[in-house]
Amino acid sequence: MHHLVGIREIASLLAVSPQRVHQLSITAGFPAPTAELASGRIWHREEIEGWAREVGRIE
């Protein structure tokens, strides 16, 4: 399992569309990206999973 995730990996984890991840990513409380690359933003998987548990999106 990779330690870094992009929009598509987060969408798969949350069972939502990439567009929905983009919407979520600009809301308060969503983790800040670890880096912004030419190919897009990336996050640490652990931060996304922690946030998703806190807000009840995953168990």
PDB file of N, CA and C in Angstrom:
ATOM      1  N   MET A   1       0.850  -1.185   0.000  1.00  0.00           N
ATOM      2  CA  MET A   1       0.000   0.000   0.000  1.00  0.00           C
ATOM      3  C   MET A   1       0.891   1.243   0.000  1.00  0.00           C
ATOM      4  N   HIS A   2       0.553   2.184  -0.847  1.00  0.00           N
ATOM      5  CA  HIS A   2       1.350   3.409  -0.953  1.00  0.00           C
ATOM      6  C   HIS A   2       1.037   4.357   0.194  1.00  0.00           C
ATOM      7  N   HIS A   3       2.045   5.129   0.571  1.00  0.00           N
ATOM      8  CA  HIS A   3       1.884   6.092   1.656  1.00  0.00           C
ATOM      9  C   HIS A   3       1.337   7.420   1.175  1.00  0.00           C
ATOM     10  N   LEU A   4       1.426   7.662  -0.142  1.00  0.00           N
ATOM     11  CA  LEU A   4       0.912   8.897  -0.712  1.00  0.00           C
ATOM     12  C   LEU A   4      -0.273   8.582  -1.607  1.00  0.00           C
ATOM     13  N   VAL A   5      -1.264   9.468  -1.597  1.00  0.00           N
ATOM     14  CA  VAL A   5      -2.463   9.269  -2.412  1.00  0.00           C
ATOM     15  C   VAL A   5      -2.846  10.571  -3.102  1.00  0.00           C
ATOM     16  N   GLY A   6      -3.454  10.405  -4.271  1.00  0.00           N
ATOM     17  CA  GLY A   6      -3.982  11.543  -5.015  1.00  0.00           C
ATOM     18  C   GLY A   6      -5.503  11.496  -4.995  1.00  0.00           C
ATOM     19  N   ILE A   7      -6.092  12.355  -5.770  1.00  0.00           N
ATOM     20  CA  ILE A   7      -7.553  12.471  -5.835  1.00  0.00           C
ATOM     21  C   ILE A   7      -8.220  11.131  -6.165  1.00  0.00           C
ATOM     22  N   ARG A   8      -7.696  10.408  -7.137  1.00  0.00           N
ATOM     23  CA  ARG A   8      -8.338   9.149  -7.546  1.00  0.00           C
ATOM     24  C   ARG A   8      -8.247   8.081  -6.466  1.00  0.00           C
ATOM     25  N   GLU A   9      -7.120   8.003  -5.780  1.00  0.00           N
ATOM     26  CA  GLU A   9      -6.992   7.031  -4.698  1.00  0.00           C
ATOM     27  C   GLU A   9      -7.924   7.378  -3.541  1.00  0.00           C
ATOM     28  N   ILE A  10      -8.046   8.660  -3.244  1.00  0.00           N
ATOM     29  CA  ILE A  10      -8.962   9.086  -2.181  1.00  0.00           C
ATOM     30  C   ILE A  10     -10.394   8.782  -2.588  1.00  0.00           C
ATOM     31  N   ALA A  11     -10.732   9.029  -3.837  1.00  0.00           N
ATOM     32  CA  ALA A  11     -12.078   8.727  -4.324  1.00  0.00           C
ATOM     33  C   ALA A  11     -12.390   7.246  -4.138  1.00  0.00           C
ATOM     34  N   SER A  12     -11.447   6.393  -4.453  1.00  0.00           N
ATOM     35  CA  SER A  12     -11.641   4.955  -4.288  1.00  0.00           C
ATOM     36  C   SER A  12     -11.810   4.601  -2.814  1.00  0.00           C
ATOM     37  N   LEU A  13     -10.981   5.167  -1.959  1.00  0.00           N
ATOM     38  CA  LEU A  13     -11.055   4.907  -0.518  1.00  0.00           C
ATOM     39  C   LEU A  13     -12.412   5.306   0.052  1.00  0.00           C
ATOM     40  N   LEU A  14     -12.945   6.453  -0.399  1.00  0.00           N
ATOM     41  CA  LEU A  14     -14.201   6.983   0.135  1.00  0.00           C
ATOM     42  C   LEU A  14     -15.437   6.531  -0.645  1.00  0.00           C
ATOM     43  N   ALA A  15     -15.218   5.839  -1.763  1.00  0.00           N
ATOM     44  CA  ALA A  15     -16.310   5.393  -2.636  1.00  0.00           C
ATOM     45  C   ALA A  15     -17.140   6.575  -3.143  1.00  0.00           C
ATOM     46  N   VAL A  16     -16.419   7.595  -3.616  1.00  0.00           N
ATOM     47  CA  VAL A  16     -17.047   8.773  -4.204  1.00  0.00           C
ATOM     48  C   VAL A  16     -16.327   9.099  -5.509  1.00  0.00           C
ATOM     49  N   SER A  17     -16.829  10.074  -6.232  1.00  0.00           N
ATOM     50  CA  SER A  17     -16.192  10.481  -7.485  1.00  0.00           C
ATOM     51  C   SER A  17     -14.988  11.382  -7.200  1.00  0.00           C
ATOM     52  N   PRO A  18     -14.060  11.467  -8.139  1.00  0.00           N
ATOM     53  CA  PRO A  18     -12.964  12.424  -7.980  1.00  0.00           C
ATOM     54  C   PRO A  18     -13.466  13.862  -7.821  1.00  0.00           C
ATOM     55  N   GLN A  19     -14.563  14.190  -8.484  1.00  0.00           N
ATOM     56  CA  GLN A  19     -15.133  15.530  -8.347  1.00  0.00           C
ATOM     57  C   GLN A  19     -15.571  15.796  -6.903  1.00  0.00           C
ATOM     58  N   ARG A  20     -16.137  14.771  -6.262  1.00  0.00           N
ATOM     59  CA  ARG A  20     -16.561  14.920  -4.861  1.00  0.00           C
ATOM     60  C   ARG A  20     -15.350  15.093  -3.950  1.00  0.00           C
ATOM     61  N   VAL A  21     -14.268  14.390  -4.246  1.00  0.00           N
ATOM     62  CA  VAL A  21     -13.043  14.569  -3.451  1.00  0.00           C
ATOM     63  C   VAL A  21     -12.560  16.003  -3.582  1.00  0.00           C
ATOM     64  N   HIS A  22     -12.604  16.548  -4.780  1.00  0.00           N
ATOM     65  CA  HIS A  22     -12.192  17.943  -4.955  1.00  0.00           C
ATOM     66  C   HIS A  22     -13.057  18.856  -4.087  1.00  0.00           C
ATOM     67  N   GLN A  23     -14.368  18.635  -4.083  1.00  0.00           N
ATOM     68  CA  GLN A  23     -15.261  19.446  -3.249  1.00  0.00           C
ATOM     69  C   GLN A  23     -14.897  19.305  -1.778  1.00  0.00           C
ATOM     70  N   LEU A  24     -14.666  18.069  -1.335  1.00  0.00           N
ATOM     71  CA  LEU A  24     -14.309  17.837   0.065  1.00  0.00           C
ATOM     72  C   LEU A  24     -12.977  18.487   0.415  1.00  0.00           C
ATOM     73  N   SER A  25     -12.047  18.471  -0.538  1.00  0.00           N
ATOM     74  CA  SER A  25     -10.699  18.971  -0.262  1.00  0.00           C
ATOM     75  C   SER A  25     -10.647  20.467   0.008  1.00  0.00           C
ATOM     76  N   ILE A  26     -11.687  21.184  -0.350  1.00  0.00           N
ATOM     77  CA  ILE A  26     -11.693  22.629  -0.102  1.00  0.00           C
ATOM     78  C   ILE A  26     -12.572  23.005   1.090  1.00  0.00           C
ATOM     79  N   THR A  27     -13.020  21.989   1.840  1.00  0.00           N
ATOM     80  CA  THR A  27     -13.807  22.251   3.043  1.00  0.00           C
ATOM     81  C   THR A  27     -12.901  22.316   4.261  1.00  0.00           C
ATOM     82  N   ALA A  28     -13.377  23.011   5.286  1.00  0.00           N
ATOM     83  CA  ALA A  28     -12.627  23.105   6.537  1.00  0.00           C
ATOM     84  C   ALA A  28     -12.454  21.714   7.134  1.00  0.00           C
ATOM     85  N   GLY A  29     -11.282  21.455   7.640  1.00  0.00           N
ATOM     86  CA  GLY A  29     -11.020  20.193   8.297  1.00  0.00           C
ATOM     87  C   GLY A  29     -10.342  19.150   7.419  1.00  0.00           C
ATOM     88  N   PHE A  30     -10.480  19.282   6.099  1.00  0.00           N
ATOM     89  CA  PHE A  30      -9.822  18.323   5.210  1.00  0.00           C
ATOM     90  C   PHE A  30      -8.326  18.580   5.278  1.00  0.00           C
ATOM     91  N   PRO A  31      -7.520  17.519   5.360  1.00  0.00           N
ATOM     92  CA  PRO A  31      -6.069  17.718   5.473  1.00  0.00           C
ATOM     93  C   PRO A  31      -5.487  18.512   4.297  1.00  0.00           C
ATOM     94  N   ALA A  32      -4.508  19.322   4.607  1.00  0.00           N
ATOM     95  CA  ALA A  32      -3.804  20.061   3.557  1.00  0.00           C
ATOM     96  C   ALA A  32      -2.966  19.089   2.740  1.00  0.00           C
ATOM     97  N   PRO A  33      -2.810  19.348   1.453  1.00  0.00           N
ATOM     98  CA  PRO A  33      -1.976  18.454   0.649  1.00  0.00           C
ATOM     99  C   PRO A  33      -0.532  18.457   1.148  1.00  0.00           C
ATOM    100  N   THR A  34       0.106  17.322   0.992  1.00  0.00           N
ATOM    101  CA  THR A  34       1.515  17.194   1.338  1.00  0.00           C
ATOM    102  C   THR A  34       2.367  17.929   0.312  1.00  0.00           C
ATOM    103  N   ALA A  35       1.941  17.842  -0.946  1.00  0.00           N
ATOM    104  CA  ALA A  35       2.657  18.516  -2.036  1.00  0.00           C
ATOM    105  C   ALA A  35       1.692  18.766  -3.182  1.00  0.00           C
ATOM    106  N   GLU A  36       2.045  19.752  -3.983  1.00  0.00           N
ATOM    107  CA  GLU A  36       1.289  20.030  -5.204  1.00  0.00           C
ATOM    108  C   GLU A  36       2.241  19.862  -6.372  1.00  0.00           C
ATOM    109  N   LEU A  37       2.004  18.821  -7.158  1.00  0.00           N
ATOM    110  CA  LEU A  37       2.839  18.499  -8.301  1.00  0.00           C
ATOM    111  C   LEU A  37       2.161  18.935  -9.587  1.00  0.00           C
ATOM    112  N   ALA A  38       2.883  18.876 -10.682  1.00  0.00           N
ATOM    113  CA  ALA A  38       2.292  19.199 -11.977  1.00  0.00           C
ATOM    114  C   ALA A  38       1.118  18.270 -12.274  1.00  0.00           C
ATOM    115  N   SER A  39       1.181  17.035 -11.773  1.00  0.00           N
ATOM    116  CA  SER A  39       0.106  16.065 -12.010  1.00  0.00           C
ATOM    117  C   SER A  39      -1.047  16.202 -11.018  1.00  0.00           C
ATOM    118  N   GLY A  40      -0.897  17.031 -10.002  1.00  0.00           N
ATOM    119  CA  GLY A  40      -1.978  17.241  -9.037  1.00  0.00           C
ATOM    120  C   GLY A  40      -1.483  17.215  -7.603  1.00  0.00           C
ATOM    121  N   ARG A  41      -2.429  17.358  -6.687  1.00  0.00           N
ATOM    122  CA  ARG A  41      -2.105  17.375  -5.263  1.00  0.00           C
ATOM    123  C   ARG A  41      -1.981  15.954  -4.733  1.00  0.00           C
ATOM    124  N   ILE A  42      -1.126  15.773  -3.720  1.00  0.00           N
ATOM    125  CA  ILE A  42      -0.989  14.474  -3.060  1.00  0.00           C
ATOM    126  C   ILE A  42      -1.042  14.673  -1.556  1.00  0.00           C
ATOM    127  N   TRP A  43      -1.498  13.636  -0.872  1.00  0.00           N
ATOM    128  CA  TRP A  43      -1.646  13.633   0.568  1.00  0.00           C
ATOM    129  C   TRP A  43      -1.005  12.374   1.137  1.00  0.00           C
ATOM    130  N   HIS A  44      -0.700  12.412   2.434  1.00  0.00           N
ATOM    131  CA  HIS A  44      -0.302  11.202   3.142  1.00  0.00           C
ATOM    132  C   HIS A  44      -1.568  10.398   3.412  1.00  0.00           C
ATOM    133  N   ARG A  45      -1.536   9.132   3.057  1.00  0.00           N
ATOM    134  CA  ARG A  45      -2.689   8.241   3.236  1.00  0.00           C
ATOM    135  C   ARG A  45      -3.180   8.258   4.689  1.00  0.00           C
ATOM    136  N   GLU A  46      -2.264   8.237   5.641  1.00  0.00           N
ATOM    137  CA  GLU A  46      -2.648   8.193   7.056  1.00  0.00           C
ATOM    138  C   GLU A  46      -3.479   9.414   7.455  1.00  0.00           C
ATOM    139  N   GLU A  47      -3.132  10.589   6.924  1.00  0.00           N
ATOM    140  CA  GLU A  47      -3.896  11.798   7.251  1.00  0.00           C
ATOM    141  C   GLU A  47      -5.307  11.724   6.672  1.00  0.00           C
ATOM    142  N   ILE A  48      -5.420  11.229   5.453  1.00  0.00           N
ATOM    143  CA  ILE A  48      -6.742  11.101   4.828  1.00  0.00           C
ATOM    144  C   ILE A  48      -7.577  10.070   5.571  1.00  0.00           C
ATOM    145  N   GLU A  49      -6.980   8.933   5.903  1.00  0.00           N
ATOM    146  CA  GLU A  49      -7.723   7.904   6.635  1.00  0.00           C
ATOM    147  C   GLU A  49      -8.156   8.407   8.005  1.00  0.00           C
ATOM    148  N   GLY A  50      -7.292   9.146   8.692  1.00  0.00           N
ATOM    149  CA  GLY A  50      -7.656   9.709   9.997  1.00  0.00           C
ATOM    150  C   GLY A  50      -8.819  10.677   9.876  1.00  0.00           C
ATOM    151  N   TRP A  51      -8.766  11.553   8.882  1.00  0.00           N
ATOM    152  CA  TRP A  51      -9.857  12.503   8.659  1.00  0.00           C
ATOM    153  C   TRP A  51     -11.141  11.753   8.345  1.00  0.00           C
ATOM    154  N   ALA A  52     -11.054  10.750   7.470  1.00  0.00           N
ATOM    155  CA  ALA A  52     -12.242   9.995   7.057  1.00  0.00           C
ATOM    156  C   ALA A  52     -12.878   9.282   8.251  1.00  0.00           C
ATOM    157  N   ARG A  53     -12.068   8.777   9.166  1.00  0.00           N
ATOM    158  CA  ARG A  53     -12.622   8.139  10.374  1.00  0.00           C
ATOM    159  C   ARG A  53     -13.305   9.179  11.268  1.00  0.00           C
ATOM    160  N   GLU A  54     -12.657  10.322  11.444  1.00  0.00           N
ATOM    161  CA  GLU A  54     -13.211  11.389  12.297  1.00  0.00           C
ATOM    162  C   GLU A  54     -14.581  11.847  11.824  1.00  0.00           C
ATOM    163  N   VAL A  55     -14.760  11.945  10.512  1.00  0.00           N
ATOM    164  CA  VAL A  55     -16.022  12.447   9.973  1.00  0.00           C
ATOM    165  C   VAL A  55     -17.003  11.339   9.615  1.00  0.00           C
ATOM    166  N   GLY A  56     -16.630  10.082   9.906  1.00  0.00           N
ATOM    167  CA  GLY A  56     -17.546   8.971   9.700  1.00  0.00           C
ATOM    168  C   GLY A  56     -17.664   8.486   8.276  1.00  0.00           C
ATOM    169  N   ARG A  57     -16.671   8.751   7.457  1.00  0.00           N
ATOM    170  CA  ARG A  57     -16.716   8.286   6.064  1.00  0.00           C
ATOM    171  C   ARG A  57     -16.189   6.869   5.909  1.00  0.00           C
ATOM    172  N   ILE A  58     -15.316   6.434   6.828  1.00  0.00           N
ATOM    173  CA  ILE A  58     -14.859   5.044   6.867  1.00  0.00           C
ATOM    174  C   ILE A  58     -14.803   4.606   8.326  1.00  0.00           C
ATOM    175  N   GLU A  59     -14.745   3.312   8.514  1.00  0.00           N
ATOM    176  CA  GLU A  59     -14.662   2.784   9.902  1.00  0.00           C
ATOM    177  C   GLU A  59     -13.231   2.566  10.299  1.00  0.00           C
TER     178      GLU A  59
END
